[in-house]
Each structure stands twice: as structure tokens, then as C-alpha cells.
Amino acid sequence: SWSAGGDKEPIAPGTVRARMFGPGLGIA
């Protein structure tokens, strides 16, 4: 929804895509 400007609307339950980078913990 954020692609269509939905970043200004309340976040609804659903699906989230994520990535985690942890250089400080030795995790690329």
C-alpha cells in the first residue's frame, strides 16, 4: 500500500516484507 501513497494512511493488518542487516552483531 505504501507504493500508492498509502504511507499516509493508518497501517492495516496484513503482509509486511522485511530485511535485517546487523553489521554491529557480525550479521551481514
PDB file of all heavy atoms in Angstrom:
ATOM      1  N   SER A   1       0.820  -1.219   0.000  1.00  0.00           N
ATOM      2  CA  SER A   1       0.000   0.000   0.000  1.00  0.00           C
ATOM      3  C   SER A   1       0.850   1.262   0.000  1.00  0.00           C
ATOM      4  O   SER A   1       0.413   2.314  -0.471  1.00  0.00           O
ATOM      5  CB  SER A   1      -0.934   0.013   1.205  1.00  0.00           C
ATOM      6  OG  SER A   1      -0.180   0.037   2.411  1.00  0.00           O
ATOM      7  N   TRP A   2       2.086   1.173   0.533  1.00  0.00           N
ATOM      8  CA  TRP A   2       2.925   2.370   0.593  1.00  0.00           C
ATOM      9  C   TRP A   2       3.329   2.851  -0.799  1.00  0.00           C
ATOM     10  O   TRP A   2       3.574   4.035  -1.002  1.00  0.00           O
ATOM     11  CB  TRP A   2       4.172   2.102   1.434  1.00  0.00           C
ATOM     12  CG  TRP A   2       3.844   1.729   2.849  1.00  0.00           C
ATOM     13  CD1 TRP A   2       2.615   1.801   3.448  1.00  0.00           C
ATOM     14  CD2 TRP A   2       4.733   1.204   3.830  1.00  0.00           C
ATOM     15  NE1 TRP A   2       2.690   1.355   4.751  1.00  0.00           N
ATOM     16  CE2 TRP A   2       3.975   0.983   5.022  1.00  0.00           C
ATOM     17  CE3 TRP A   2       6.088   0.898   3.831  1.00  0.00           C
ATOM     18  CZ2 TRP A   2       4.544   0.478   6.179  1.00  0.00           C
ATOM     19  CZ3 TRP A   2       6.652   0.398   4.997  1.00  0.00           C
ATOM     20  CH2 TRP A   2       5.895   0.185   6.156  1.00  0.00           C
ATOM     21  N   SER A   3       3.409   1.932  -1.769  1.00  0.00           N
ATOM     22  CA  SER A   3       3.788   2.305  -3.137  1.00  0.00           C
ATOM     23  C   SER A   3       2.791   3.282  -3.746  1.00  0.00           C
ATOM     24  O   SER A   3       3.148   4.125  -4.571  1.00  0.00           O
ATOM     25  CB  SER A   3       3.879   1.061  -4.026  1.00  0.00           C
ATOM     26  OG  SER A   3       4.821   0.148  -3.517  1.00  0.00           O
ATOM     27  N   ALA A   4       1.533   3.170  -3.345  1.00  0.00           N
ATOM     28  CA  ALA A   4       0.477   4.019  -3.913  1.00  0.00           C
ATOM     29  C   ALA A   4       0.164   5.214  -3.019  1.00  0.00           C
ATOM     30  O   ALA A   4      -0.918   5.792  -3.104  1.00  0.00           O
ATOM     31  CB  ALA A   4      -0.776   3.186  -4.122  1.00  0.00           C
ATOM     32  N   GLY A   5       1.113   5.556  -2.169  1.00  0.00           N
ATOM     33  CA  GLY A   5       0.895   6.705  -1.294  1.00  0.00           C
ATOM     34  C   GLY A   5       0.149   6.360  -0.028  1.00  0.00           C
ATOM     35  O   GLY A   5      -0.240   7.250   0.737  1.00  0.00           O
ATOM     36  N   GLY A   6      -0.044   5.064   0.232  1.00  0.00           N
ATOM     37  CA  GLY A   6      -0.747   4.638   1.430  1.00  0.00           C
ATOM     38  C   GLY A   6       0.054   4.822   2.697  1.00  0.00           C
ATOM     39  O   GLY A   6      -0.417   4.489   3.776  1.00  0.00           O
ATOM     40  N   ASP A   7       1.286   5.356   2.566  1.00  0.00           N
ATOM     41  CA  ASP A   7       2.112   5.596   3.739  1.00  0.00           C
ATOM     42  C   ASP A   7       1.517   6.680   4.638  1.00  0.00           C
ATOM     43  O   ASP A   7       1.941   6.848   5.776  1.00  0.00           O
ATOM     44  CB  ASP A   7       3.528   5.988   3.319  1.00  0.00           C
ATOM     45  CG  ASP A   7       3.555   7.149   2.341  1.00  0.00           C
ATOM     46  OD1 ASP A   7       3.026   6.969   1.238  1.00  0.00           O
ATOM     47  OD2 ASP A   7       4.091   8.215   2.688  1.00  0.00           O
ATOM     48  N   LYS A   8       0.544   7.431   4.124  1.00  0.00           N
ATOM     49  CA  LYS A   8      -0.096   8.483   4.919  1.00  0.00           C
ATOM     50  C   LYS A   8      -1.386   7.988   5.569  1.00  0.00           C
ATOM     51  O   LYS A   8      -2.045   8.735   6.293  1.00  0.00           O
ATOM     52  CB  LYS A   8      -0.366   9.714   4.044  1.00  0.00           C
ATOM     53  CG  LYS A   8       0.895  10.359   3.488  1.00  0.00           C
ATOM     54  CD  LYS A   8       0.583  11.533   2.591  1.00  0.00           C
ATOM     55  CE  LYS A   8       1.856  12.206   2.098  1.00  0.00           C
ATOM     56  NZ  LYS A   8       2.710  11.303   1.330  1.00  0.00           N
ATOM     57  N   GLU A   9      -1.775   6.727   5.292  1.00  0.00           N
ATOM     58  CA  GLU A   9      -2.978   6.143   5.870  1.00  0.00           C
ATOM     59  C   GLU A   9      -2.595   5.241   7.048  1.00  0.00           C
ATOM     60  O   GLU A   9      -1.449   4.798   7.162  1.00  0.00           O
ATOM     61  CB  GLU A   9      -3.714   5.326   4.801  1.00  0.00           C
ATOM     62  CG  GLU A   9      -4.121   6.117   3.570  1.00  0.00           C
ATOM     63  CD  GLU A   9      -5.128   7.209   3.888  1.00  0.00           C
ATOM     64  OE1 GLU A   9      -5.933   6.988   4.823  1.00  0.00           O
ATOM     65  OE2 GLU A   9      -5.089   8.263   3.243  1.00  0.00           O
ATOM     66  N   PRO A  10      -3.540   4.949   7.954  1.00  0.00           N
ATOM     67  CA  PRO A  10      -3.244   4.006   9.046  1.00  0.00           C
ATOM     68  C   PRO A  10      -2.790   2.658   8.495  1.00  0.00           C
ATOM     69  O   PRO A  10      -3.287   2.195   7.468  1.00  0.00           O
ATOM     70  CB  PRO A  10      -4.594   3.890   9.772  1.00  0.00           C
ATOM     71  CG  PRO A  10      -5.320   5.146   9.436  1.00  0.00           C
ATOM     72  CD  PRO A  10      -4.900   5.501   8.035  1.00  0.00           C
ATOM     73  N   ILE A  11      -1.848   2.051   9.163  1.00  0.00           N
ATOM     74  CA  ILE A  11      -1.341   0.753   8.730  1.00  0.00           C
ATOM     75  C   ILE A  11      -2.346  -0.328   9.110  1.00  0.00           C
ATOM     76  O   ILE A  11      -2.691  -0.496  10.281  1.00  0.00           O
ATOM     77  CB  ILE A  11       0.027   0.453   9.365  1.00  0.00           C
ATOM     78  CG1 ILE A  11       1.070   1.453   8.855  1.00  0.00           C
ATOM     79  CG2 ILE A  11       0.465  -0.970   9.047  1.00  0.00           C
ATOM     80  CD1 ILE A  11       2.442   1.264   9.459  1.00  0.00           C
ATOM     81  N   ALA A  12      -2.810  -1.069   8.128  1.00  0.00           N
ATOM     82  CA  ALA A  12      -3.784  -2.127   8.366  1.00  0.00           C
ATOM     83  C   ALA A  12      -3.067  -3.458   8.576  1.00  0.00           C
ATOM     84  O   ALA A  12      -1.976  -3.684   8.035  1.00  0.00           O
ATOM     85  CB  ALA A  12      -4.740  -2.238   7.184  1.00  0.00           C
ATOM     86  N   PRO A  13      -3.648  -4.354   9.370  1.00  0.00           N
ATOM     87  CA  PRO A  13      -3.095  -5.704   9.476  1.00  0.00           C
ATOM     88  C   PRO A  13      -2.993  -6.345   8.098  1.00  0.00           C
ATOM     89  O   PRO A  13      -3.803  -6.074   7.214  1.00  0.00           O
ATOM     90  CB  PRO A  13      -4.102  -6.430  10.369  1.00  0.00           C
ATOM     91  CG  PRO A  13      -4.750  -5.347  11.172  1.00  0.00           C
ATOM     92  CD  PRO A  13      -4.820  -4.171  10.231  1.00  0.00           C
ATOM     93  N   GLY A  14      -2.011  -7.159   7.899  1.00  0.00           N
ATOM     94  CA  GLY A  14      -1.817  -7.786   6.589  1.00  0.00           C
ATOM     95  C   GLY A  14      -0.410  -8.321   6.450  1.00  0.00           C
ATOM     96  O   GLY A  14       0.128  -8.948   7.370  1.00  0.00           O
ATOM     97  N   THR A  15       0.195  -8.052   5.298  1.00  0.00           N
ATOM     98  CA  THR A  15       1.506  -8.592   4.969  1.00  0.00           C
ATOM     99  C   THR A  15       2.561  -7.495   4.970  1.00  0.00           C
ATOM    100  O   THR A  15       2.333  -6.398   4.480  1.00  0.00           O
ATOM    101  CB  THR A  15       1.467  -9.260   3.580  1.00  0.00           C
ATOM    102  OG1 THR A  15       0.536 -10.341   3.616  1.00  0.00           O
ATOM    103  CG2 THR A  15       2.841  -9.795   3.196  1.00  0.00           C
ATOM    104  N   VAL A  16       3.721  -7.822   5.524  1.00  0.00           N
ATOM    105  CA  VAL A  16       4.879  -6.919   5.533  1.00  0.00           C
ATOM    106  C   VAL A  16       6.062  -7.664   4.934  1.00  0.00           C
ATOM    107  O   VAL A  16       6.267  -8.849   5.208  1.00  0.00           O
ATOM    108  CB  VAL A  16       5.220  -6.461   6.969  1.00  0.00           C
ATOM    109  CG1 VAL A  16       6.500  -5.640   6.985  1.00  0.00           C
ATOM    110  CG2 VAL A  16       4.066  -5.656   7.567  1.00  0.00           C
ATOM    111  N   ARG A  17       6.825  -6.987   4.091  1.00  0.00           N
ATOM    112  CA  ARG A  17       8.109  -7.515   3.585  1.00  0.00           C
ATOM    113  C   ARG A  17       9.236  -6.873   4.366  1.00  0.00           C
ATOM    114  O   ARG A  17       9.186  -5.677   4.681  1.00  0.00           O
ATOM    115  CB  ARG A  17       8.254  -7.202   2.098  1.00  0.00           C
ATOM    116  CG  ARG A  17       7.389  -8.056   1.181  1.00  0.00           C
ATOM    117  CD  ARG A  17       7.957  -9.466   1.001  1.00  0.00           C
ATOM    118  NE  ARG A  17       9.353  -9.432   0.616  1.00  0.00           N
ATOM    119  CZ  ARG A  17       9.808  -9.222  -0.635  1.00  0.00           C
ATOM    120  NH1 ARG A  17       8.930  -9.039  -1.625  1.00  0.00           N
ATOM    121  NH2 ARG A  17      11.096  -9.207  -0.905  1.00  0.00           N
ATOM    122  N   ALA A  18      10.276  -7.651   4.692  1.00  0.00           N
ATOM    123  CA  ALA A  18      11.332  -7.125   5.552  1.00  0.00           C
ATOM    124  C   ALA A  18      12.702  -7.712   5.210  1.00  0.00           C
ATOM    125  O   ALA A  18      12.799  -8.803   4.625  1.00  0.00           O
ATOM    126  CB  ALA A  18      11.006  -7.408   7.020  1.00  0.00           C
ATOM    127  N   ARG A  19      13.737  -6.963   5.575  1.00  0.00           N
ATOM    128  CA  ARG A  19      15.117  -7.441   5.543  1.00  0.00           C
ATOM    129  C   ARG A  19      15.807  -6.916   6.801  1.00  0.00           C
ATOM    130  O   ARG A  19      15.477  -5.838   7.302  1.00  0.00           O
ATOM    131  CB  ARG A  19      15.876  -6.948   4.300  1.00  0.00           C
ATOM    132  CG  ARG A  19      15.306  -7.443   2.994  1.00  0.00           C
ATOM    133  CD  ARG A  19      16.081  -6.895   1.799  1.00  0.00           C
ATOM    134  NE  ARG A  19      17.396  -7.511   1.667  1.00  0.00           N
ATOM    135  CZ  ARG A  19      18.286  -7.176   0.725  1.00  0.00           C
ATOM    136  NH1 ARG A  19      17.992  -6.209  -0.140  1.00  0.00           N
ATOM    137  NH2 ARG A  19      19.450  -7.781   0.648  1.00  0.00           N
ATOM    138  N   MET A  20      16.780  -7.675   7.327  1.00  0.00           N
ATOM    139  CA  MET A  20      17.515  -7.233   8.505  1.00  0.00           C
ATOM    140  C   MET A  20      19.009  -7.286   8.241  1.00  0.00           C
ATOM    141  O   MET A  20      19.543  -8.308   7.827  1.00  0.00           O
ATOM    142  CB  MET A  20      17.178  -8.106   9.716  1.00  0.00           C
ATOM    143  CG  MET A  20      17.574  -7.477  11.072  1.00  0.00           C
ATOM    144  SD  MET A  20      19.349  -7.407  11.426  1.00  0.00           S
ATOM    145  CE  MET A  20      19.605  -8.995  12.220  1.00  0.00           C
ATOM    146  N   PHE A  21      19.676  -6.157   8.476  1.00  0.00           N
ATOM    147  CA  PHE A  21      21.133  -6.066   8.383  1.00  0.00           C
ATOM    148  C   PHE A  21      21.688  -5.781   9.776  1.00  0.00           C
ATOM    149  O   PHE A  21      21.249  -4.836  10.442  1.00  0.00           O
ATOM    150  CB  PHE A  21      21.551  -4.951   7.424  1.00  0.00           C
ATOM    151  CG  PHE A  21      21.071  -5.149   6.007  1.00  0.00           C
ATOM    152  CD1 PHE A  21      20.049  -4.372   5.488  1.00  0.00           C
ATOM    153  CD2 PHE A  21      21.642  -6.110   5.185  1.00  0.00           C
ATOM    154  CE1 PHE A  21      19.603  -4.542   4.191  1.00  0.00           C
ATOM    155  CE2 PHE A  21      21.202  -6.291   3.884  1.00  0.00           C
ATOM    156  CZ  PHE A  21      20.183  -5.507   3.386  1.00  0.00           C
ATOM    157  N   GLY A  22      22.674  -6.578  10.209  1.00  0.00           N
ATOM    158  CA  GLY A  22      23.229  -6.400  11.549  1.00  0.00           C
ATOM    159  C   GLY A  22      24.736  -6.338  11.575  1.00  0.00           C
ATOM    160  O   GLY A  22      25.373  -7.219  12.181  1.00  0.00           O
ATOM    161  N   PRO A  23      25.348  -5.319  10.961  1.00  0.00           N
ATOM    162  CA  PRO A  23      26.805  -5.219  10.966  1.00  0.00           C
ATOM    163  C   PRO A  23      27.396  -5.201  12.369  1.00  0.00           C
ATOM    164  O   PRO A  23      28.480  -5.749  12.612  1.00  0.00           O
ATOM    165  CB  PRO A  23      27.073  -3.888  10.239  1.00  0.00           C
ATOM    166  CG  PRO A  23      25.850  -3.645   9.422  1.00  0.00           C
ATOM    167  CD  PRO A  23      24.713  -4.209  10.212  1.00  0.00           C
ATOM    168  N   GLY A  24      26.693  -4.576  13.318  1.00  0.00           N
ATOM    169  CA  GLY A  24      27.211  -4.479  14.679  1.00  0.00           C
ATOM    170  C   GLY A  24      27.256  -5.810  15.405  1.00  0.00           C
ATOM    171  O   GLY A  24      27.977  -5.957  16.400  1.00  0.00           O
ATOM    172  N   LEU A  25      26.484  -6.802  14.937  1.00  0.00           N
ATOM    173  CA  LEU A  25      26.468  -8.130  15.548  1.00  0.00           C
ATOM    174  C   LEU A  25      27.225  -9.155  14.714  1.00  0.00           C
ATOM    175  O   LEU A  25      27.187 -10.341  15.009  1.00  0.00           O
ATOM    176  CB  LEU A  25      25.016  -8.609  15.736  1.00  0.00           C
ATOM    177  CG  LEU A  25      24.163  -7.831  16.735  1.00  0.00           C
ATOM    178  CD1 LEU A  25      22.743  -8.382  16.748  1.00  0.00           C
ATOM    179  CD2 LEU A  25      24.766  -7.902  18.131  1.00  0.00           C
ATOM    180  N   GLY A  26      27.886  -8.701  13.667  1.00  0.00           N
ATOM    181  CA  GLY A  26      28.595  -9.619  12.789  1.00  0.00           C
ATOM    182  C   GLY A  26      27.671 -10.368  11.854  1.00  0.00           C
ATOM    183  O   GLY A  26      28.026 -11.442  11.348  1.00  0.00           O
ATOM    184  N   ILE A  27      26.458  -9.829  11.600  1.00  0.00           N
ATOM    185  CA  ILE A  27      25.479 -10.468  10.725  1.00  0.00           C
ATOM    186  C   ILE A  27      25.302  -9.600   9.481  1.00  0.00           C
ATOM    187  O   ILE A  27      24.709  -8.516   9.560  1.00  0.00           O
ATOM    188  CB  ILE A  27      24.126 -10.658  11.435  1.00  0.00           C
ATOM    189  CG1 ILE A  27      24.308 -11.492  12.713  1.00  0.00           C
ATOM    190  CG2 ILE A  27      23.121 -11.321  10.506  1.00  0.00           C
ATOM    191  CD1 ILE A  27      23.060 -11.557  13.573  1.00  0.00           C
ATOM    192  N   ALA A  28      25.805 -10.067   8.348  1.00  0.00           N
ATOM    193  CA  ALA A  28      25.659  -9.285   7.115  1.00  0.00           C
ATOM    194  C   ALA A  28      24.193  -9.107   6.766  1.00  0.00           C
ATOM    195  O   ALA A  28      23.737  -8.004   6.457  1.00  0.00           O
ATOM    196  CB  ALA A  28      26.416  -9.959   5.975  1.00  0.00           C
TER     197      ALA A  28
END
